[in-house]
Amino acid sequence: MYIAGRPNVALLLTLAGKGGSFAPPFAAACSAIKFTLIGIAILYAVCGLALRLRARFLQLS
C-alpha cells in the first residue's frame, strides 16, 4: 500500500499546484521502486515454475 499510494498522492499534489518541484521526482522514484519490485516478483515466479517443470521432467526420465 505504501509504494502504491505515494505516487498517487504526489500526482494529486502536483495537479493541485501544491507539490512544488518535489512531488514529480518523488512520484517517479516511487513508481520505479514499485515496478522494480513487480519485475523481481515476476522473475521469481517464472524461475520457480521453470525449476518445478525441470524437476518434473527429470523425474519422468
PDB file of N, CA and C in Angstrom:
ATOM      1  N   MET A   1       0.819  -1.186   0.000  1.00  0.00           N
ATOM      2  CA  MET A   1       0.000   0.000   0.000  1.00  0.00           C
ATOM      3  C   MET A   1       0.870   1.260   0.000  1.00  0.00           C
ATOM      4  N   TYR A   2       1.941   1.239   0.736  1.00  0.00           N
ATOM      5  CA  TYR A   2       2.785   2.435   0.834  1.00  0.00           C
ATOM      6  C   TYR A   2       3.319   2.833  -0.534  1.00  0.00           C
ATOM      7  N   ILE A   3       3.902   1.866  -1.233  1.00  0.00           N
ATOM      8  CA  ILE A   3       4.515   2.163  -2.516  1.00  0.00           C
ATOM      9  C   ILE A   3       3.451   2.507  -3.555  1.00  0.00           C
ATOM     10  N   ALA A   4       2.316   1.827  -3.497  1.00  0.00           N
ATOM     11  CA  ALA A   4       1.266   2.100  -4.473  1.00  0.00           C
ATOM     12  C   ALA A   4       0.603   3.447  -4.222  1.00  0.00           C
ATOM     13  N   GLY A   5       0.515   3.877  -2.983  1.00  0.00           N
ATOM     14  CA  GLY A   5      -0.197   5.108  -2.655  1.00  0.00           C
ATOM     15  C   GLY A   5       0.615   6.371  -2.824  1.00  0.00           C
ATOM     16  N   ARG A   6       1.898   6.324  -2.631  1.00  0.00           N
ATOM     17  CA  ARG A   6       2.724   7.527  -2.654  1.00  0.00           C
ATOM     18  C   ARG A   6       2.727   8.234  -4.004  1.00  0.00           C
ATOM     19  N   PRO A   7       2.868   7.506  -5.133  1.00  0.00           N
ATOM     20  CA  PRO A   7       2.836   8.233  -6.409  1.00  0.00           C
ATOM     21  C   PRO A   7       1.491   8.914  -6.639  1.00  0.00           C
ATOM     22  N   ASN A   8       0.406   8.307  -6.183  1.00  0.00           N
ATOM     23  CA  ASN A   8      -0.905   8.922  -6.360  1.00  0.00           C
ATOM     24  C   ASN A   8      -1.008  10.215  -5.566  1.00  0.00           C
ATOM     25  N   VAL A   9      -0.510  10.211  -4.347  1.00  0.00           N
ATOM     26  CA  VAL A   9      -0.536  11.424  -3.520  1.00  0.00           C
ATOM     27  C   VAL A   9       0.309  12.506  -4.170  1.00  0.00           C
ATOM     28  N   ALA A  10       1.478  12.135  -4.646  1.00  0.00           N
ATOM     29  CA  ALA A  10       2.352  13.105  -5.290  1.00  0.00           C
ATOM     30  C   ALA A  10       1.713  13.646  -6.567  1.00  0.00           C
ATOM     31  N   LEU A  11       1.042  12.798  -7.316  1.00  0.00           N
ATOM     32  CA  LEU A  11       0.364  13.247  -8.529  1.00  0.00           C
ATOM     33  C   LEU A  11      -0.752  14.220  -8.194  1.00  0.00           C
ATOM     34  N   LEU A  12      -1.529  13.918  -7.173  1.00  0.00           N
ATOM     35  CA  LEU A  12      -2.607  14.819  -6.771  1.00  0.00           C
ATOM     36  C   LEU A  12      -2.055  16.162  -6.296  1.00  0.00           C
ATOM     37  N   LEU A  13      -0.966  16.142  -5.557  1.00  0.00           N
ATOM     38  CA  LEU A  13      -0.345  17.397  -5.120  1.00  0.00           C
ATOM     39  C   LEU A  13       0.150  18.213  -6.308  1.00  0.00           C
ATOM     40  N   THR A  14       0.724  17.534  -7.291  1.00  0.00           N
ATOM     41  CA  THR A  14       1.220  18.230  -8.471  1.00  0.00           C
ATOM     42  C   THR A  14       0.072  18.845  -9.255  1.00  0.00           C
ATOM     43  N   LEU A  15      -1.000  18.070  -9.434  1.00  0.00           N
ATOM     44  CA  LEU A  15      -2.141  18.581 -10.183  1.00  0.00           C
ATOM     45  C   LEU A  15      -2.812  19.746  -9.463  1.00  0.00           C
ATOM     46  N   ALA A  16      -2.785  19.739  -8.149  1.00  0.00           N
ATOM     47  CA  ALA A  16      -3.382  20.823  -7.377  1.00  0.00           C
ATOM     48  C   ALA A  16      -2.458  22.042  -7.317  1.00  0.00           C
ATOM     49  N   GLY A  17      -1.230  21.892  -7.785  1.00  0.00           N
ATOM     50  CA  GLY A  17      -0.290  23.003  -7.768  1.00  0.00           C
ATOM     51  C   GLY A  17       0.369  23.222  -6.426  1.00  0.00           C
ATOM     52  N   LYS A  18       0.295  22.234  -5.528  1.00  0.00           N
ATOM     53  CA  LYS A  18       0.864  22.391  -4.189  1.00  0.00           C
ATOM     54  C   LYS A  18       2.072  21.496  -3.951  1.00  0.00           C
ATOM     55  N   GLY A  19       2.441  20.710  -4.962  1.00  0.00           N
ATOM     56  CA  GLY A  19       3.543  19.777  -4.788  1.00  0.00           C
ATOM     57  C   GLY A  19       4.901  20.400  -5.015  1.00  0.00           C
ATOM     58  N   GLY A  20       4.916  21.520  -5.690  1.00  0.00           N
ATOM     59  CA  GLY A  20       6.183  22.167  -5.972  1.00  0.00           C
ATOM     60  C   GLY A  20       7.039  21.321  -6.890  1.00  0.00           C
ATOM     61  N   SER A  21       8.320  21.454  -6.745  1.00  0.00           N
ATOM     62  CA  SER A  21       9.237  20.682  -7.583  1.00  0.00           C
ATOM     63  C   SER A  21       9.608  19.349  -6.939  1.00  0.00           C
ATOM     64  N   PHE A  22       9.081  19.094  -5.755  1.00  0.00           N
ATOM     65  CA  PHE A  22       9.425  17.859  -5.041  1.00  0.00           C
ATOM     66  C   PHE A  22       8.560  16.681  -5.480  1.00  0.00           C
ATOM     67  N   ALA A  23       7.286  16.918  -5.730  1.00  0.00           N
ATOM     68  CA  ALA A  23       6.348  15.825  -5.973  1.00  0.00           C
ATOM     69  C   ALA A  23       6.638  15.011  -7.240  1.00  0.00           C
ATOM     70  N   PRO A  24       6.912  15.605  -8.387  1.00  0.00           N
ATOM     71  CA  PRO A  24       7.134  14.773  -9.581  1.00  0.00           C
ATOM     72  C   PRO A  24       8.323  13.816  -9.476  1.00  0.00           C
ATOM     73  N   PRO A  25       9.503  14.259  -9.016  1.00  0.00           N
ATOM     74  CA  PRO A  25      10.595  13.291  -8.878  1.00  0.00           C
ATOM     75  C   PRO A  25      10.304  12.226  -7.817  1.00  0.00           C
ATOM     76  N   PHE A  26       9.602  12.628  -6.763  1.00  0.00           N
ATOM     77  CA  PHE A  26       9.246  11.675  -5.716  1.00  0.00           C
ATOM     78  C   PHE A  26       8.300  10.604  -6.263  1.00  0.00           C
ATOM     79  N   ALA A  27       7.318  11.026  -7.050  1.00  0.00           N
ATOM     80  CA  ALA A  27       6.392  10.072  -7.658  1.00  0.00           C
ATOM     81  C   ALA A  27       7.130   9.145  -8.624  1.00  0.00           C
ATOM     82  N   ALA A  28       8.054   9.687  -9.393  1.00  0.00           N
ATOM     83  CA  ALA A  28       8.822   8.871 -10.330  1.00  0.00           C
ATOM     84  C   ALA A  28       9.685   7.843  -9.603  1.00  0.00           C
ATOM     85  N   ALA A  29      10.303   8.246  -8.511  1.00  0.00           N
ATOM     86  CA  ALA A  29      11.133   7.314  -7.737  1.00  0.00           C
ATOM     87  C   ALA A  29      10.286   6.200  -7.136  1.00  0.00           C
ATOM     88  N   CYS A  30       9.139   6.553  -6.580  1.00  0.00           N
ATOM     89  CA  CYS A  30       8.256   5.535  -6.003  1.00  0.00           C
ATOM     90  C   CYS A  30       7.752   4.571  -7.069  1.00  0.00           C
ATOM     91  N   SER A  31       7.419   5.103  -8.235  1.00  0.00           N
ATOM     92  CA  SER A  31       6.962   4.242  -9.327  1.00  0.00           C
ATOM     93  C   SER A  31       8.079   3.317  -9.799  1.00  0.00           C
ATOM     94  N   ALA A  32       9.287   3.821  -9.881  1.00  0.00           N
ATOM     95  CA  ALA A  32      10.420   2.993 -10.294  1.00  0.00           C
ATOM     96  C   ALA A  32      10.639   1.856  -9.302  1.00  0.00           C
ATOM     97  N   ILE A  33      10.551   2.166  -8.017  1.00  0.00           N
ATOM     98  CA  ILE A  33      10.698   1.127  -6.991  1.00  0.00           C
ATOM     99  C   ILE A  33       9.581   0.098  -7.118  1.00  0.00           C
ATOM    100  N   LYS A  34       8.355   0.578  -7.311  1.00  0.00           N
ATOM    101  CA  LYS A  34       7.206  -0.326  -7.418  1.00  0.00           C
ATOM    102  C   LYS A  34       7.378  -1.280  -8.589  1.00  0.00           C
ATOM    103  N   PHE A  35       7.723  -0.755  -9.765  1.00  0.00           N
ATOM    104  CA  PHE A  35       7.845  -1.611 -10.936  1.00  0.00           C
ATOM    105  C   PHE A  35       9.069  -2.512 -10.861  1.00  0.00           C
ATOM    106  N   THR A  36      10.116  -2.091 -10.179  1.00  0.00           N
ATOM    107  CA  THR A  36      11.266  -2.969  -9.957  1.00  0.00           C
ATOM    108  C   THR A  36      10.861  -4.158  -9.095  1.00  0.00           C
ATOM    109  N   LEU A  37      10.116  -3.892  -8.025  1.00  0.00           N
ATOM    110  CA  LEU A  37       9.654  -4.987  -7.159  1.00  0.00           C
ATOM    111  C   LEU A  37       8.702  -5.919  -7.898  1.00  0.00           C
ATOM    112  N   ILE A  38       7.841  -5.368  -8.734  1.00  0.00           N
ATOM    113  CA  ILE A  38       6.938  -6.210  -9.529  1.00  0.00           C
ATOM    114  C   ILE A  38       7.745  -7.089 -10.478  1.00  0.00           C
ATOM    115  N   GLY A  39       8.762  -6.518 -11.108  1.00  0.00           N
ATOM    116  CA  GLY A  39       9.620  -7.291 -12.007  1.00  0.00           C
ATOM    117  C   GLY A  39      10.350  -8.410 -11.291  1.00  0.00           C
ATOM    118  N   ILE A  40      10.843  -8.127 -10.096  1.00  0.00           N
ATOM    119  CA  ILE A  40      11.524  -9.157  -9.304  1.00  0.00           C
ATOM    120  C   ILE A  40      10.549 -10.277  -8.943  1.00  0.00           C
ATOM    121  N   ALA A  41       9.325  -9.921  -8.583  1.00  0.00           N
ATOM    122  CA  ALA A  41       8.329 -10.935  -8.224  1.00  0.00           C
ATOM    123  C   ALA A  41       7.981 -11.810  -9.427  1.00  0.00           C
ATOM    124  N   ILE A  42       7.838 -11.199 -10.593  1.00  0.00           N
ATOM    125  CA  ILE A  42       7.540 -11.972 -11.800  1.00  0.00           C
ATOM    126  C   ILE A  42       8.702 -12.897 -12.129  1.00  0.00           C
ATOM    127  N   LEU A  43       9.918 -12.403 -12.056  1.00  0.00           N
ATOM    128  CA  LEU A  43      11.098 -13.222 -12.320  1.00  0.00           C
ATOM    129  C   LEU A  43      11.188 -14.386 -11.343  1.00  0.00           C
ATOM    130  N   TYR A  44      10.890 -14.136 -10.085  1.00  0.00           N
ATOM    131  CA  TYR A  44      10.902 -15.178  -9.061  1.00  0.00           C
ATOM    132  C   TYR A  44       9.880 -16.266  -9.386  1.00  0.00           C
ATOM    133  N   ALA A  45       8.681 -15.856  -9.785  1.00  0.00           N
ATOM    134  CA  ALA A  45       7.629 -16.816 -10.113  1.00  0.00           C
ATOM    135  C   ALA A  45       7.988 -17.632 -11.349  1.00  0.00           C
ATOM    136  N   VAL A  46       8.551 -16.996 -12.371  1.00  0.00           N
ATOM    137  CA  VAL A  46       8.931 -17.702 -13.591  1.00  0.00           C
ATOM    138  C   VAL A  46      10.058 -18.692 -13.303  1.00  0.00           C
ATOM    139  N   CYS A  47      11.036 -18.291 -12.512  1.00  0.00           N
ATOM    140  CA  CYS A  47      12.135 -19.206 -12.160  1.00  0.00           C
ATOM    141  C   CYS A  47      11.621 -20.389 -11.348  1.00  0.00           C
ATOM    142  N   GLY A  48      10.726 -20.132 -10.419  1.00  0.00           N
ATOM    143  CA  GLY A  48      10.144 -21.218  -9.637  1.00  0.00           C
ATOM    144  C   GLY A  48       9.379 -22.195 -10.503  1.00  0.00           C
ATOM    145  N   LEU A  49       8.612 -21.662 -11.456  1.00  0.00           N
ATOM    146  CA  LEU A  49       7.866 -22.525 -12.370  1.00  0.00           C
ATOM    147  C   LEU A  49       8.817 -23.340 -13.242  1.00  0.00           C
ATOM    148  N   ALA A  50       9.872 -22.696 -13.733  1.00  0.00           N
ATOM    149  CA  ALA A  50      10.843 -23.406 -14.564  1.00  0.00           C
ATOM    150  C   ALA A  50      11.531 -24.525 -13.786  1.00  0.00           C
ATOM    151  N   LEU A  51      11.899 -24.272 -12.548  1.00  0.00           N
ATOM    152  CA  LEU A  51      12.541 -25.306 -11.734  1.00  0.00           C
ATOM    153  C   LEU A  51      11.587 -26.459 -11.435  1.00  0.00           C
ATOM    154  N   ARG A  52      10.324 -26.129 -11.207  1.00  0.00           N
ATOM    155  CA  ARG A  52       9.332 -27.182 -10.946  1.00  0.00           C
ATOM    156  C   ARG A  52       9.129 -28.046 -12.182  1.00  0.00           C
ATOM    157  N   LEU A  53       9.033 -27.421 -13.355  1.00  0.00           N
ATOM    158  CA  LEU A  53       8.875 -28.188 -14.592  1.00  0.00           C
ATOM    159  C   LEU A  53      10.120 -29.022 -14.887  1.00  0.00           C
ATOM    160  N   ARG A  54      11.272 -28.461 -14.629  1.00  0.00           N
ATOM    161  CA  ARG A  54      12.524 -29.206 -14.840  1.00  0.00           C
ATOM    162  C   ARG A  54      12.577 -30.437 -13.942  1.00  0.00           C
ATOM    163  N   ALA A  55      12.204 -30.257 -12.672  1.00  0.00           N
ATOM    164  CA  ALA A  55      12.211 -31.397 -11.754  1.00  0.00           C
ATOM    165  C   ALA A  55      11.208 -32.453 -12.188  1.00  0.00           C
ATOM    166  N   ARG A  56      10.066 -32.023 -12.681  1.00  0.00           N
ATOM    167  CA  ARG A  56       9.045 -32.988 -13.117  1.00  0.00           C
ATOM    168  C   ARG A  56       9.540 -33.781 -14.331  1.00  0.00           C
ATOM    169  N   PHE A  57      10.174 -33.100 -15.283  1.00  0.00           N
ATOM    170  CA  PHE A  57      10.664 -33.798 -16.466  1.00  0.00           C
ATOM    171  C   PHE A  57      11.844 -34.717 -16.147  1.00  0.00           C
ATOM    172  N   LEU A  58      12.693 -34.334 -15.204  1.00  0.00           N
ATOM    173  CA  LEU A  58      13.795 -35.204 -14.810  1.00  0.00           C
ATOM    174  C   LEU A  58      13.285 -36.431 -14.069  1.00  0.00           C
ATOM    175  N   GLN A  59      12.177 -36.275 -13.350  1.00  0.00           N
ATOM    176  CA  GLN A  59      11.592 -37.391 -12.620  1.00  0.00           C
ATOM    177  C   GLN A  59      10.982 -38.406 -13.583  1.00  0.00           C
ATOM    178  N   LEU A  60      10.440 -37.949 -14.686  1.00  0.00           N
ATOM    179  CA  LEU A  60       9.827 -38.844 -15.671  1.00  0.00           C
ATOM    180  C   LEU A  60      10.855 -39.639 -16.455  1.00  0.00           C
ATOM    181  N   SER A  61      12.057 -39.106 -16.571  1.00  0.00           N
ATOM    182  CA  SER A  61      13.092 -39.776 -17.379  1.00  0.00           C
ATOM    183  C   SER A  61      13.633 -41.008 -16.724  1.00  0.00           C
TER     184      SER A  61
END
